[in-house]
Amino acid sequence: MGLEFRKRLLSSSEIREQYPLPTSLAAIKAKRDEEIKAIFRGESRKFILVIGPCSADHPDPVLEYCGKLREISKGVEDQLFIVPRIYTNKPRTTGEGYKGMLHQPDPEKGENVAGGIAAIRKLHMDVLRETGFSTADEMLYPDNLRYLSDIMSYIAVGARSVENQQHRLVASGTDVPCGMKNPTSGDLGVMLNSVYAGQHGHDFIFREWEVKSDGNPYTHAIMRGSQNKHGQMLPNYHYEDLKLLLSLYGERELQYPSCIVDTNHCNSAKHYKEQLRIAQEVMHSRKYSEELAGFVKGIMVESYLLEGNCRAEDHVYGKSITDACLGWEDTLRLIDSVYEYAQKTG
């Protein structure tokens, strides 16, 4: 085979034994799980804000950012449910480049997956300990989910993964809201097939075990825009797009019809400042339509301490080394705007 088996990694059980989640933090996480599930069930009118850097590249600025989020959340938590975006697995279009803290706990040093596993668990746990926020991450590698699943309250499956059978099956065995992004082609039917698969139980192979899942009724759609065969980016956050998705949900037997809108990626054509306007438009659509107010449960936003992006070797504290993000001042403006709209539709 063309694979060199270099080092046996710790299992999820072993890493949890080495870095156990304290009972007090597990209780906080369980409470937040119930809060976010109530939003998807329609029992709470709070609006979800999954927000944070494109990739969590270094613990210090990420923890500082989350601390700032904690302070601002005190004034908006009657309407908003904030989940820090702690993305430690970074998908790459060509497979090249920085793949996240899982691969490189130090982005300027070589790959160290064993060290990365410990680093990402510690970071997610530190955010929970220091801020009381349970977290969100992308399920880029299904085999790695259990390294973090006892800490996270939200899981996303990316546009390049959503058609993959293993991602769909493992999503069906998760117990917190799991968002399925539309594929890069934009095909909403493909996305909703993934939602259906995630909501139903399956028998399958997982980490060398035969397992059975019960299905996750909180599996839902994430609209992130698309790219056509000419490479043009096409948004799908407009009123008509959201109404279409709602009607397609109505044609399928799915629990808790729900949608999250990703304000960056193809929806913004990667013009990160557009996230302010897109968030406002989504909130206006919810204000205009009572149906959409109940259907669109939240938005995803990429933001960090400093706006834009840079190279890792530039050593700019709190600035993204992957996709460009909103800075903190614009983040405050976005949260204020979303909060004002949420008050009108709550």
C-alpha atoms as a PDB file:
ATOM      1  CA  MET A   1       0.000   0.000   0.000  1.00  0.00           C
ATOM      2  CA  GLY A   2       1.016   3.624  -0.489  1.00  0.00           C
ATOM      3  CA  LEU A   3       0.474   4.422   3.184  1.00  0.00           C
ATOM      4  CA  GLU A   4       3.160   4.623   5.824  1.00  0.00           C
ATOM      5  CA  PHE A   5       1.712   3.844   9.262  1.00  0.00           C
ATOM      6  CA  ARG A   6       3.780   6.271  11.298  1.00  0.00           C
ATOM      7  CA  LYS A   7       2.321   6.363  14.802  1.00  0.00           C
ATOM      8  CA  ARG A   8      -0.622   4.886  16.653  1.00  0.00           C
ATOM      9  CA  LEU A   9      -2.868   7.697  17.870  1.00  0.00           C
ATOM     10  CA  LEU A  10      -4.775   7.707  21.127  1.00  0.00           C
ATOM     11  CA  SER A  11      -8.370   6.544  20.861  1.00  0.00           C
ATOM     12  CA  SER A  12     -11.150   8.917  21.826  1.00  0.00           C
ATOM     13  CA  SER A  13     -11.608   6.979  25.073  1.00  0.00           C
ATOM     14  CA  GLU A  14      -7.932   7.341  25.892  1.00  0.00           C
ATOM     15  CA  ILE A  15      -7.831  11.055  25.128  1.00  0.00           C
ATOM     16  CA  ARG A  16     -10.937  11.606  27.273  1.00  0.00           C
ATOM     17  CA  GLU A  17      -9.228   9.780  30.127  1.00  0.00           C
ATOM     18  CA  GLN A  18      -6.150  11.973  29.783  1.00  0.00           C
ATOM     19  CA  TYR A  19      -8.196  15.188  29.465  1.00  0.00           C
ATOM     20  CA  PRO A  20     -11.497  14.473  31.263  1.00  0.00           C
ATOM     21  CA  LEU A  21     -14.375  16.923  31.158  1.00  0.00           C
ATOM     22  CA  PRO A  22     -15.105  17.966  34.763  1.00  0.00           C
ATOM     23  CA  THR A  23     -18.621  17.230  36.016  1.00  0.00           C
ATOM     24  CA  SER A  24     -19.297  20.945  36.541  1.00  0.00           C
ATOM     25  CA  LEU A  25     -18.494  21.726  32.892  1.00  0.00           C
ATOM     26  CA  ALA A  26     -20.503  18.751  31.658  1.00  0.00           C
ATOM     27  CA  ALA A  27     -23.526  20.178  33.489  1.00  0.00           C
ATOM     28  CA  ILE A  28     -23.078  23.569  31.798  1.00  0.00           C
ATOM     29  CA  LYS A  29     -22.781  21.884  28.425  1.00  0.00           C
ATOM     30  CA  ALA A  30     -25.906  19.755  29.032  1.00  0.00           C
ATOM     31  CA  LYS A  31     -27.911  22.865  29.926  1.00  0.00           C
ATOM     32  CA  ARG A  32     -26.800  24.624  26.753  1.00  0.00           C
ATOM     33  CA  ASP A  33     -27.627  21.536  24.688  1.00  0.00           C
ATOM     34  CA  GLU A  34     -31.197  21.688  25.941  1.00  0.00           C
ATOM     35  CA  GLU A  35     -31.402  25.426  25.210  1.00  0.00           C
ATOM     36  CA  ILE A  36     -30.300  25.062  21.606  1.00  0.00           C
ATOM     37  CA  LYS A  37     -32.508  22.017  21.019  1.00  0.00           C
ATOM     38  CA  ALA A  38     -35.504  23.996  22.294  1.00  0.00           C
ATOM     39  CA  ILE A  39     -34.788  26.574  19.582  1.00  0.00           C
ATOM     40  CA  PHE A  40     -34.861  23.895  16.879  1.00  0.00           C
ATOM     41  CA  ARG A  41     -38.064  22.443  18.317  1.00  0.00           C
ATOM     42  CA  GLY A  42     -39.674  25.875  18.140  1.00  0.00           C
ATOM     43  CA  GLU A  43     -40.144  26.050  21.911  1.00  0.00           C
ATOM     44  CA  SER A  44     -37.744  28.988  22.196  1.00  0.00           C
ATOM     45  CA  ARG A  45     -37.720  32.033  19.905  1.00  0.00           C
ATOM     46  CA  LYS A  46     -34.072  32.821  20.549  1.00  0.00           C
ATOM     47  CA  PHE A  47     -31.887  33.309  17.476  1.00  0.00           C
ATOM     48  CA  ILE A  48     -28.658  31.310  17.104  1.00  0.00           C
ATOM     49  CA  LEU A  49     -25.382  33.042  16.309  1.00  0.00           C
ATOM     50  CA  VAL A  50     -22.517  30.660  15.445  1.00  0.00           C
ATOM     51  CA  ILE A  51     -19.611  33.078  15.307  1.00  0.00           C
ATOM     52  CA  GLY A  52     -15.836  33.102  15.401  1.00  0.00           C
ATOM     53  CA  PRO A  53     -12.676  32.896  13.301  1.00  0.00           C
ATOM     54  CA  CYS A  54     -12.445  30.950  10.049  1.00  0.00           C
ATOM     55  CA  SER A  55      -9.944  28.680  11.785  1.00  0.00           C
ATOM     56  CA  ALA A  56      -8.926  28.553  15.438  1.00  0.00           C
ATOM     57  CA  ASP A  57      -5.216  28.948  14.791  1.00  0.00           C
ATOM     58  CA  HIS A  58      -3.877  29.786  18.267  1.00  0.00           C
ATOM     59  CA  PRO A  59      -5.389  29.402  21.765  1.00  0.00           C
ATOM     60  CA  ASP A  60      -4.547  32.867  23.145  1.00  0.00           C
ATOM     61  CA  PRO A  61      -6.411  35.070  20.624  1.00  0.00           C
ATOM     62  CA  VAL A  62      -9.266  32.553  20.402  1.00  0.00           C
ATOM     63  CA  LEU A  63      -9.755  32.644  24.168  1.00  0.00           C
ATOM     64  CA  GLU A  64      -9.523  36.455  24.191  1.00  0.00           C
ATOM     65  CA  TYR A  65     -12.108  36.616  21.405  1.00  0.00           C
ATOM     66  CA  CYS A  66     -14.462  34.255  23.266  1.00  0.00           C
ATOM     67  CA  GLY A  67     -14.023  36.323  26.444  1.00  0.00           C
ATOM     68  CA  LYS A  68     -15.166  39.390  24.532  1.00  0.00           C
ATOM     69  CA  LEU A  69     -18.129  37.427  23.194  1.00  0.00           C
ATOM     70  CA  ARG A  70     -19.027  36.441  26.760  1.00  0.00           C
ATOM     71  CA  GLU A  71     -19.132  40.083  27.834  1.00  0.00           C
ATOM     72  CA  ILE A  72     -21.276  41.209  24.910  1.00  0.00           C
ATOM     73  CA  SER A  73     -23.588  38.200  25.323  1.00  0.00           C
ATOM     74  CA  LYS A  74     -24.736  39.443  28.721  1.00  0.00           C
ATOM     75  CA  GLY A  75     -26.661  42.238  27.050  1.00  0.00           C
ATOM     76  CA  VAL A  76     -28.244  40.147  24.282  1.00  0.00           C
ATOM     77  CA  GLU A  77     -28.856  36.697  25.779  1.00  0.00           C
ATOM     78  CA  ASP A  78     -32.584  37.345  26.131  1.00  0.00           C
ATOM     79  CA  GLN A  79     -32.795  37.127  22.313  1.00  0.00           C
ATOM     80  CA  LEU A  80     -29.581  35.505  21.058  1.00  0.00           C
ATOM     81  CA  PHE A  81     -27.963  32.136  21.720  1.00  0.00           C
ATOM     82  CA  ILE A  82     -24.268  32.516  20.953  1.00  0.00           C
ATOM     83  CA  VAL A  83     -22.083  29.533  20.043  1.00  0.00           C
ATOM     84  CA  PRO A  84     -18.366  30.249  19.516  1.00  0.00           C
ATOM     85  CA  ARG A  85     -17.043  28.881  16.269  1.00  0.00           C
ATOM     86  CA  ILE A  86     -13.905  26.923  17.283  1.00  0.00           C
ATOM     87  CA  TYR A  87     -12.983  25.355  13.942  1.00  0.00           C
ATOM     88  CA  THR A  88      -9.895  23.204  14.460  1.00  0.00           C
ATOM     89  CA  ASN A  89     -10.175  21.082  11.294  1.00  0.00           C
ATOM     90  CA  LYS A  90      -9.724  23.194   8.163  1.00  0.00           C
ATOM     91  CA  PRO A  91     -10.797  21.807   4.765  1.00  0.00           C
ATOM     92  CA  ARG A  92      -8.558  22.770   1.829  1.00  0.00           C
ATOM     93  CA  THR A  93      -9.847  22.925  -1.737  1.00  0.00           C
ATOM     94  CA  THR A  94      -6.678  21.391  -3.212  1.00  0.00           C
ATOM     95  CA  GLY A  95      -5.546  19.532  -0.090  1.00  0.00           C
ATOM     96  CA  GLU A  96      -2.617  21.924   0.377  1.00  0.00           C
ATOM     97  CA  GLY A  97      -2.080  24.583   3.044  1.00  0.00           C
ATOM     98  CA  TYR A  98      -2.804  24.915   6.751  1.00  0.00           C
ATOM     99  CA  LYS A  99      -5.283  22.211   7.740  1.00  0.00           C
ATOM    100  CA  GLY A 100      -6.061  23.498  11.196  1.00  0.00           C
ATOM    101  CA  MET A 101      -4.903  22.973  14.759  1.00  0.00           C
ATOM    102  CA  LEU A 102      -5.669  19.254  14.575  1.00  0.00           C
ATOM    103  CA  HIS A 103      -2.838  18.840  12.068  1.00  0.00           C
ATOM    104  CA  GLN A 104      -0.585  21.663  13.217  1.00  0.00           C
ATOM    105  CA  PRO A 105      -0.955  22.880  16.810  1.00  0.00           C
ATOM    106  CA  ASP A 106       1.657  25.457  15.768  1.00  0.00           C
ATOM    107  CA  PRO A 107       0.863  26.702  12.232  1.00  0.00           C
ATOM    108  CA  GLU A 108       4.530  27.506  11.588  1.00  0.00           C
ATOM    109  CA  LYS A 109       5.803  24.052  12.469  1.00  0.00           C
ATOM    110  CA  GLY A 110       5.329  20.686  10.832  1.00  0.00           C
ATOM    111  CA  GLU A 111       2.353  18.394  11.223  1.00  0.00           C
ATOM    112  CA  ASN A 112       1.833  16.823  14.643  1.00  0.00           C
ATOM    113  CA  VAL A 113      -1.517  15.085  14.732  1.00  0.00           C
ATOM    114  CA  ALA A 114      -0.934  13.452  18.113  1.00  0.00           C
ATOM    115  CA  GLY A 115      -0.188  16.851  19.648  1.00  0.00           C
ATOM    116  CA  GLY A 116      -3.046  18.396  17.690  1.00  0.00           C
ATOM    117  CA  ILE A 117      -5.627  16.007  19.150  1.00  0.00           C
ATOM    118  CA  ALA A 118      -4.661  17.057  22.660  1.00  0.00           C
ATOM    119  CA  ALA A 119      -4.482  20.744  21.657  1.00  0.00           C
ATOM    120  CA  ILE A 120      -7.974  20.910  20.154  1.00  0.00           C
ATOM    121  CA  ARG A 121      -9.576  19.120  23.118  1.00  0.00           C
ATOM    122  CA  LYS A 122      -7.832  21.481  25.511  1.00  0.00           C
ATOM    123  CA  LEU A 123      -8.908  24.567  23.530  1.00  0.00           C
ATOM    124  CA  HIS A 124     -12.580  23.590  23.341  1.00  0.00           C
ATOM    125  CA  MET A 125     -12.546  22.739  27.037  1.00  0.00           C
ATOM    126  CA  ASP A 126     -10.777  25.992  27.964  1.00  0.00           C
ATOM    127  CA  VAL A 127     -13.435  27.995  26.124  1.00  0.00           C
ATOM    128  CA  LEU A 128     -16.150  26.173  28.078  1.00  0.00           C
ATOM    129  CA  ARG A 129     -14.289  26.619  31.374  1.00  0.00           C
ATOM    130  CA  GLU A 130     -13.422  30.316  30.934  1.00  0.00           C
ATOM    131  CA  THR A 131     -16.610  31.568  29.253  1.00  0.00           C
ATOM    132  CA  GLY A 132     -19.389  29.045  29.911  1.00  0.00           C
ATOM    133  CA  PHE A 133     -19.812  28.665  26.142  1.00  0.00           C
ATOM    134  CA  SER A 134     -20.070  25.180  24.714  1.00  0.00           C
ATOM    135  CA  THR A 135     -18.714  25.255  21.201  1.00  0.00           C
ATOM    136  CA  ALA A 136     -19.123  24.513  17.486  1.00  0.00           C
ATOM    137  CA  ASP A 137     -16.711  22.763  15.152  1.00  0.00           C
ATOM    138  CA  GLU A 138     -16.871  21.190  11.718  1.00  0.00           C
ATOM    139  CA  MET A 139     -17.040  17.413  11.414  1.00  0.00           C
ATOM    140  CA  LEU A 140     -14.392  17.304   8.709  1.00  0.00           C
ATOM    141  CA  TYR A 141     -13.202  13.823   9.731  1.00  0.00           C
ATOM    142  CA  PRO A 142     -15.973  11.609  11.160  1.00  0.00           C
ATOM    143  CA  ASP A 143     -13.422   9.396  12.939  1.00  0.00           C
ATOM    144  CA  ASN A 144     -12.289  12.383  15.010  1.00  0.00           C
ATOM    145  CA  LEU A 145     -15.742  13.462  16.199  1.00  0.00           C
ATOM    146  CA  ARG A 146     -15.545  11.719  19.568  1.00  0.00           C
ATOM    147  CA  TYR A 147     -12.416  13.611  20.555  1.00  0.00           C
ATOM    148  CA  LEU A 148     -14.693  16.650  21.008  1.00  0.00           C
ATOM    149  CA  SER A 149     -18.329  15.530  21.004  1.00  0.00           C
ATOM    150  CA  ASP A 150     -18.728  15.760  24.792  1.00  0.00           C
ATOM    151  CA  ILE A 151     -17.841  19.488  24.665  1.00  0.00           C
ATOM    152  CA  MET A 152     -19.636  20.779  21.554  1.00  0.00           C
ATOM    153  CA  SER A 153     -23.252  21.929  21.301  1.00  0.00           C
ATOM    154  CA  TYR A 154     -23.263  22.380  17.519  1.00  0.00           C
ATOM    155  CA  ILE A 155     -21.721  20.421  14.637  1.00  0.00           C
ATOM    156  CA  ALA A 156     -21.444  21.399  10.970  1.00  0.00           C
ATOM    157  CA  VAL A 157     -20.867  19.188   7.937  1.00  0.00           C
ATOM    158  CA  GLY A 158     -19.177  21.136   5.148  1.00  0.00           C
ATOM    159  CA  ALA A 159     -20.136  21.602   1.518  1.00  0.00           C
ATOM    160  CA  ARG A 160     -17.490  19.156   0.268  1.00  0.00           C
ATOM    161  CA  SER A 161     -18.455  16.488   2.816  1.00  0.00           C
ATOM    162  CA  VAL A 162     -22.242  16.619   2.746  1.00  0.00           C
ATOM    163  CA  GLU A 163     -22.580  14.042  -0.054  1.00  0.00           C
ATOM    164  CA  ASN A 164     -20.267  11.591   1.716  1.00  0.00           C
ATOM    165  CA  GLN A 165     -22.016   8.514   3.106  1.00  0.00           C
ATOM    166  CA  GLN A 166     -19.872   8.252   6.236  1.00  0.00           C
ATOM    167  CA  HIS A 167     -20.529  11.878   7.218  1.00  0.00           C
ATOM    168  CA  ARG A 168     -24.266  11.331   6.850  1.00  0.00           C
ATOM    169  CA  LEU A 169     -24.240   8.116   8.876  1.00  0.00           C
ATOM    170  CA  VAL A 170     -22.105   9.511  11.679  1.00  0.00           C
ATOM    171  CA  ALA A 171     -24.296  12.634  11.810  1.00  0.00           C
ATOM    172  CA  SER A 172     -27.230  10.304  12.499  1.00  0.00           C
ATOM    173  CA  GLY A 173     -25.452   9.221  15.677  1.00  0.00           C
ATOM    174  CA  THR A 174     -24.835  12.712  17.068  1.00  0.00           C
ATOM    175  CA  ASP A 175     -26.974  14.117  19.878  1.00  0.00           C
ATOM    176  CA  VAL A 176     -26.706  17.897  19.293  1.00  0.00           C
ATOM    177  CA  PRO A 177     -27.892  20.009  16.339  1.00  0.00           C
ATOM    178  CA  CYS A 178     -25.938  19.050  13.212  1.00  0.00           C
ATOM    179  CA  GLY A 179     -26.047  21.340  10.189  1.00  0.00           C
ATOM    180  CA  MET A 180     -25.681  20.013   6.635  1.00  0.00           C
ATOM    181  CA  LYS A 181     -24.362  22.647   4.220  1.00  0.00           C
ATOM    182  CA  ASN A 182     -25.576  22.716   0.658  1.00  0.00           C
ATOM    183  CA  PRO A 183     -22.900  21.235  -1.637  1.00  0.00           C
ATOM    184  CA  THR A 184     -20.672  23.558  -3.655  1.00  0.00           C
ATOM    185  CA  SER A 185     -22.950  22.878  -6.660  1.00  0.00           C
ATOM    186  CA  GLY A 186     -25.829  24.430  -4.705  1.00  0.00           C
ATOM    187  CA  ASP A 187     -28.128  21.418  -5.127  1.00  0.00           C
ATOM    188  CA  LEU A 188     -30.723  21.743  -2.372  1.00  0.00           C
ATOM    189  CA  GLY A 189     -32.012  18.217  -2.987  1.00  0.00           C
ATOM    190  CA  VAL A 190     -28.603  16.776  -2.165  1.00  0.00           C
ATOM    191  CA  MET A 191     -28.515  18.781   1.058  1.00  0.00           C
ATOM    192  CA  LEU A 192     -31.988  17.678   2.084  1.00  0.00           C
ATOM    193  CA  ASN A 193     -31.100  14.050   1.336  1.00  0.00           C
ATOM    194  CA  SER A 194     -28.268  14.506   3.822  1.00  0.00           C
ATOM    195  CA  VAL A 195     -30.673  15.984   6.354  1.00  0.00           C
ATOM    196  CA  TYR A 196     -32.989  12.994   5.861  1.00  0.00           C
ATOM    197  CA  ALA A 197     -30.101  10.550   6.294  1.00  0.00           C
ATOM    198  CA  GLY A 198     -28.966  12.357   9.444  1.00  0.00           C
ATOM    199  CA  GLN A 199     -32.435  12.246  10.964  1.00  0.00           C
ATOM    200  CA  HIS A 200     -32.841   8.490  10.539  1.00  0.00           C
ATOM    201  CA  GLY A 201     -31.103   5.544  12.188  1.00  0.00           C
ATOM    202  CA  HIS A 202     -28.541   3.323  10.441  1.00  0.00           C
ATOM    203  CA  ASP A 203     -26.309   0.303  10.928  1.00  0.00           C
ATOM    204  CA  PHE A 204     -22.738   0.937   9.735  1.00  0.00           C
ATOM    205  CA  ILE A 205     -18.996   0.616  10.391  1.00  0.00           C
ATOM    206  CA  PHE A 206     -17.398   3.246  12.623  1.00  0.00           C
ATOM    207  CA  ARG A 207     -13.855   3.155  14.027  1.00  0.00           C
ATOM    208  CA  GLU A 208     -13.578  -0.610  13.402  1.00  0.00           C
ATOM    209  CA  TRP A 209     -16.898  -1.278  15.152  1.00  0.00           C
ATOM    210  CA  GLU A 210     -20.303  -2.261  13.887  1.00  0.00           C
ATOM    211  CA  VAL A 211     -22.587   0.425  15.298  1.00  0.00           C
ATOM    212  CA  LYS A 212     -26.244   1.396  15.232  1.00  0.00           C
ATOM    213  CA  SER A 213     -27.469   4.991  15.298  1.00  0.00           C
ATOM    214  CA  ASP A 214     -30.858   6.241  16.437  1.00  0.00           C
ATOM    215  CA  GLY A 215     -31.024   9.231  14.078  1.00  0.00           C
ATOM    216  CA  ASN A 216     -30.681  12.879  15.059  1.00  0.00           C
ATOM    217  CA  PRO A 217     -33.934  14.872  14.671  1.00  0.00           C
ATOM    218  CA  TYR A 218     -31.932  18.104  15.014  1.00  0.00           C
ATOM    219  CA  THR A 219     -30.129  17.563  11.700  1.00  0.00           C
ATOM    220  CA  HIS A 220     -30.892  20.617   9.542  1.00  0.00           C
ATOM    221  CA  ALA A 221     -29.892  22.668   6.487  1.00  0.00           C
ATOM    222  CA  ILE A 222     -27.188  25.328   6.196  1.00  0.00           C
ATOM    223  CA  MET A 223     -27.364  27.677   3.194  1.00  0.00           C
ATOM    224  CA  ARG A 224     -23.843  28.775   2.221  1.00  0.00           C
ATOM    225  CA  GLY A 225     -24.169  29.780  -1.443  1.00  0.00           C
ATOM    226  CA  SER A 226     -22.750  27.862  -4.403  1.00  0.00           C
ATOM    227  CA  GLN A 227     -20.373  27.985  -7.334  1.00  0.00           C
ATOM    228  CA  ASN A 228     -21.352  27.235 -10.935  1.00  0.00           C
ATOM    229  CA  LYS A 229     -19.285  25.535 -13.646  1.00  0.00           C
ATOM    230  CA  HIS A 230     -17.787  28.874 -14.635  1.00  0.00           C
ATOM    231  CA  GLY A 231     -16.511  29.482 -11.118  1.00  0.00           C
ATOM    232  CA  GLN A 232     -19.061  32.207 -10.378  1.00  0.00           C
ATOM    233  CA  MET A 233     -20.271  32.384  -6.773  1.00  0.00           C
ATOM    234  CA  LEU A 234     -24.040  32.425  -6.371  1.00  0.00           C
ATOM    235  CA  PRO A 235     -25.784  33.430  -3.109  1.00  0.00           C
ATOM    236  CA  ASN A 236     -28.755  31.560  -1.646  1.00  0.00           C
ATOM    237  CA  TYR A 237     -29.633  33.699   1.383  1.00  0.00           C
ATOM    238  CA  HIS A 238     -32.276  35.856  -0.304  1.00  0.00           C
ATOM    239  CA  TYR A 239     -35.951  35.775   0.681  1.00  0.00           C
ATOM    240  CA  GLU A 240     -36.895  33.690  -2.377  1.00  0.00           C
ATOM    241  CA  ASP A 241     -34.151  31.144  -1.632  1.00  0.00           C
ATOM    242  CA  LEU A 242     -35.306  30.693   1.941  1.00  0.00           C
ATOM    243  CA  LYS A 243     -38.954  30.352   0.903  1.00  0.00           C
ATOM    244  CA  LEU A 244     -37.948  27.733  -1.685  1.00  0.00           C
ATOM    245  CA  LEU A 245     -36.052  25.745   0.912  1.00  0.00           C
ATOM    246  CA  LEU A 246     -39.037  25.886   3.260  1.00  0.00           C
ATOM    247  CA  SER A 247     -41.309  24.552   0.509  1.00  0.00           C
ATOM    248  CA  LEU A 248     -38.849  21.720  -0.252  1.00  0.00           C
ATOM    249  CA  TYR A 249     -38.843  20.791   3.425  1.00  0.00           C
ATOM    250  CA  GLY A 250     -42.626  20.542   3.175  1.00  0.00           C
ATOM    251  CA  GLU A 251     -42.290  17.873   0.475  1.00  0.00           C
ATOM    252  CA  ARG A 252     -40.288  15.585   2.760  1.00  0.00           C
ATOM    253  CA  GLU A 253     -40.977  13.843   6.041  1.00  0.00           C
ATOM    254  CA  LEU A 254     -38.451  15.722   8.166  1.00  0.00           C
ATOM    255  CA  GLN A 255     -38.582  16.730  11.821  1.00  0.00           C
ATOM    256  CA  TYR A 256     -38.172  20.297  13.039  1.00  0.00           C
ATOM    257  CA  PRO A 257     -37.755  22.090   9.667  1.00  0.00           C
ATOM    258  CA  SER A 258     -34.871  24.493  10.239  1.00  0.00           C
ATOM    259  CA  CYS A 259     -32.263  26.503   8.407  1.00  0.00           C
ATOM    260  CA  ILE A 260     -29.052  28.304   9.343  1.00  0.00           C
ATOM    261  CA  VAL A 261     -27.585  30.860   6.910  1.00  0.00           C
ATOM    262  CA  ASP A 262     -23.817  31.069   6.444  1.00  0.00           C
ATOM    263  CA  THR A 263     -23.116  34.760   5.801  1.00  0.00           C
ATOM    264  CA  ASN A 264     -19.646  34.194   4.328  1.00  0.00           C
ATOM    265  CA  HIS A 265     -18.212  31.743   1.761  1.00  0.00           C
ATOM    266  CA  CYS A 266     -20.136  31.782  -1.537  1.00  0.00           C
ATOM    267  CA  ASN A 267     -22.960  33.844  -0.042  1.00  0.00           C
ATOM    268  CA  SER A 268     -20.576  36.786   0.345  1.00  0.00           C
ATOM    269  CA  ALA A 269     -18.367  35.777  -2.601  1.00  0.00           C
ATOM    270  CA  LYS A 270     -15.693  35.797   0.146  1.00  0.00           C
ATOM    271  CA  HIS A 271     -16.031  39.572   0.536  1.00  0.00           C
ATOM    272  CA  TYR A 272     -16.071  39.330   4.321  1.00  0.00           C
ATOM    273  CA  LYS A 273     -17.484  42.828   4.935  1.00  0.00           C
ATOM    274  CA  GLU A 274     -20.655  41.758   3.137  1.00  0.00           C
ATOM    275  CA  GLN A 275     -21.528  39.620   6.145  1.00  0.00           C
ATOM    276  CA  LEU A 276     -22.928  42.736   7.851  1.00  0.00           C
ATOM    277  CA  ARG A 277     -25.364  43.382   5.019  1.00  0.00           C
ATOM    278  CA  ILE A 278     -26.248  39.704   4.534  1.00  0.00           C
ATOM    279  CA  ALA A 279     -27.047  39.243   8.218  1.00  0.00           C
ATOM    280  CA  GLN A 280     -29.297  42.289   8.076  1.00  0.00           C
ATOM    281  CA  GLU A 281     -31.109  41.013   4.979  1.00  0.00           C
ATOM    282  CA  VAL A 282     -31.706  37.601   6.554  1.00  0.00           C
ATOM    283  CA  MET A 283     -33.120  39.252   9.656  1.00  0.00           C
ATOM    284  CA  HIS A 284     -35.335  41.500   7.515  1.00  0.00           C
ATOM    285  CA  SER A 285     -36.701  38.424   5.706  1.00  0.00           C
ATOM    286  CA  ARG A 286     -37.569  36.902   9.080  1.00  0.00           C
ATOM    287  CA  LYS A 287     -39.270  40.118  10.122  1.00  0.00           C
ATOM    288  CA  TYR A 288     -41.264  40.228   6.892  1.00  0.00           C
ATOM    289  CA  SER A 289     -42.380  36.584   6.978  1.00  0.00           C
ATOM    290  CA  GLU A 290     -43.671  34.863  10.100  1.00  0.00           C
ATOM    291  CA  GLU A 291     -43.007  31.520   8.377  1.00  0.00           C
ATOM    292  CA  LEU A 292     -39.345  32.393   7.895  1.00  0.00           C
ATOM    293  CA  ALA A 293     -39.105  33.757  11.422  1.00  0.00           C
ATOM    294  CA  GLY A 294     -39.858  30.259  12.666  1.00  0.00           C
ATOM    295  CA  PHE A 295     -37.798  28.493  10.010  1.00  0.00           C
ATOM    296  CA  VAL A 296     -34.499  30.421   9.910  1.00  0.00           C
ATOM    297  CA  LYS A 297     -33.020  29.598  13.305  1.00  0.00           C
ATOM    298  CA  GLY A 298     -29.700  31.419  13.043  1.00  0.00           C
ATOM    299  CA  ILE A 299     -26.694  32.587  11.087  1.00  0.00           C
ATOM    300  CA  MET A 300     -23.001  31.687  10.863  1.00  0.00           C
ATOM    301  CA  VAL A 301     -20.463  34.504  10.866  1.00  0.00           C
ATOM    302  CA  GLU A 302     -16.681  34.527  10.460  1.00  0.00           C
ATOM    303  CA  SER A 303     -15.107  37.130  12.725  1.00  0.00           C
ATOM    304  CA  TYR A 304     -11.964  37.569  14.796  1.00  0.00           C
ATOM    305  CA  LEU A 305     -10.164  40.235  16.800  1.00  0.00           C
ATOM    306  CA  LEU A 306      -8.750  41.948  13.688  1.00  0.00           C
ATOM    307  CA  GLU A 307     -10.367  42.190  10.269  1.00  0.00           C
ATOM    308  CA  GLY A 308      -9.061  40.574   7.096  1.00  0.00           C
ATOM    309  CA  ASN A 309      -6.445  37.850   6.940  1.00  0.00           C
ATOM    310  CA  CYS A 310      -2.685  37.394   6.758  1.00  0.00           C
ATOM    311  CA  ARG A 311      -0.006  34.742   6.515  1.00  0.00           C
ATOM    312  CA  ALA A 312       0.987  32.779   9.605  1.00  0.00           C
ATOM    313  CA  GLU A 313       4.543  34.070   9.295  1.00  0.00           C
ATOM    314  CA  ASP A 314       3.274  37.667   9.556  1.00  0.00           C
ATOM    315  CA  HIS A 315       2.598  37.008  13.276  1.00  0.00           C
ATOM    316  CA  VAL A 316      -0.463  39.246  13.553  1.00  0.00           C
ATOM    317  CA  TYR A 317      -2.235  38.424  16.824  1.00  0.00           C
ATOM    318  CA  GLY A 318      -5.956  37.764  16.382  1.00  0.00           C
ATOM    319  CA  LYS A 319      -6.001  37.956  12.575  1.00  0.00           C
ATOM    320  CA  SER A 320      -7.146  35.012  10.465  1.00  0.00           C
ATOM    321  CA  ILE A 321      -4.497  32.991   8.646  1.00  0.00           C
ATOM    322  CA  THR A 322      -7.143  31.374   6.417  1.00  0.00           C
ATOM    323  CA  ASP A 323     -10.259  33.167   5.071  1.00  0.00           C
ATOM    324  CA  ALA A 324     -10.710  36.856   5.847  1.00  0.00           C
ATOM    325  CA  CYS A 325     -12.942  37.669   8.835  1.00  0.00           C
ATOM    326  CA  LEU A 326     -14.782  40.651  10.264  1.00  0.00           C
ATOM    327  CA  GLY A 327     -12.876  42.554  12.950  1.00  0.00           C
ATOM    328  CA  TRP A 328     -14.206  43.117  16.452  1.00  0.00           C
ATOM    329  CA  GLU A 329     -15.781  46.544  15.820  1.00  0.00           C
ATOM    330  CA  ASP A 330     -17.787  45.236  12.877  1.00  0.00           C
ATOM    331  CA  THR A 331     -18.663  42.152  14.926  1.00  0.00           C
ATOM    332  CA  LEU A 332     -20.220  44.420  17.560  1.00  0.00           C
ATOM    333  CA  ARG A 333     -22.182  46.233  14.850  1.00  0.00           C
ATOM    334  CA  LEU A 334     -23.453  42.930  13.450  1.00  0.00           C
ATOM    335  CA  ILE A 335     -24.500  41.589  16.852  1.00  0.00           C
ATOM    336  CA  ASP A 336     -26.290  44.847  17.689  1.00  0.00           C
ATOM    337  CA  SER A 337     -28.164  44.772  14.375  1.00  0.00           C
ATOM    338  CA  VAL A 338     -29.161  41.110  14.714  1.00  0.00           C
ATOM    339  CA  TYR A 339     -30.279  41.708  18.284  1.00  0.00           C
ATOM    340  CA  GLU A 340     -32.515  44.634  17.284  1.00  0.00           C
ATOM    341  CA  TYR A 341     -34.199  42.540  14.582  1.00  0.00           C
ATOM    342  CA  ALA A 342     -34.543  39.562  16.945  1.00  0.00           C
ATOM    343  CA  GLN A 343     -36.399  41.778  19.416  1.00  0.00           C
ATOM    344  CA  LYS A 344     -38.948  42.533  16.706  1.00  0.00           C
ATOM    345  CA  THR A 345     -39.519  38.894  15.757  1.00  0.00           C
ATOM    346  CA  GLY A 346     -39.064  37.235  19.179  1.00  0.00           C
END
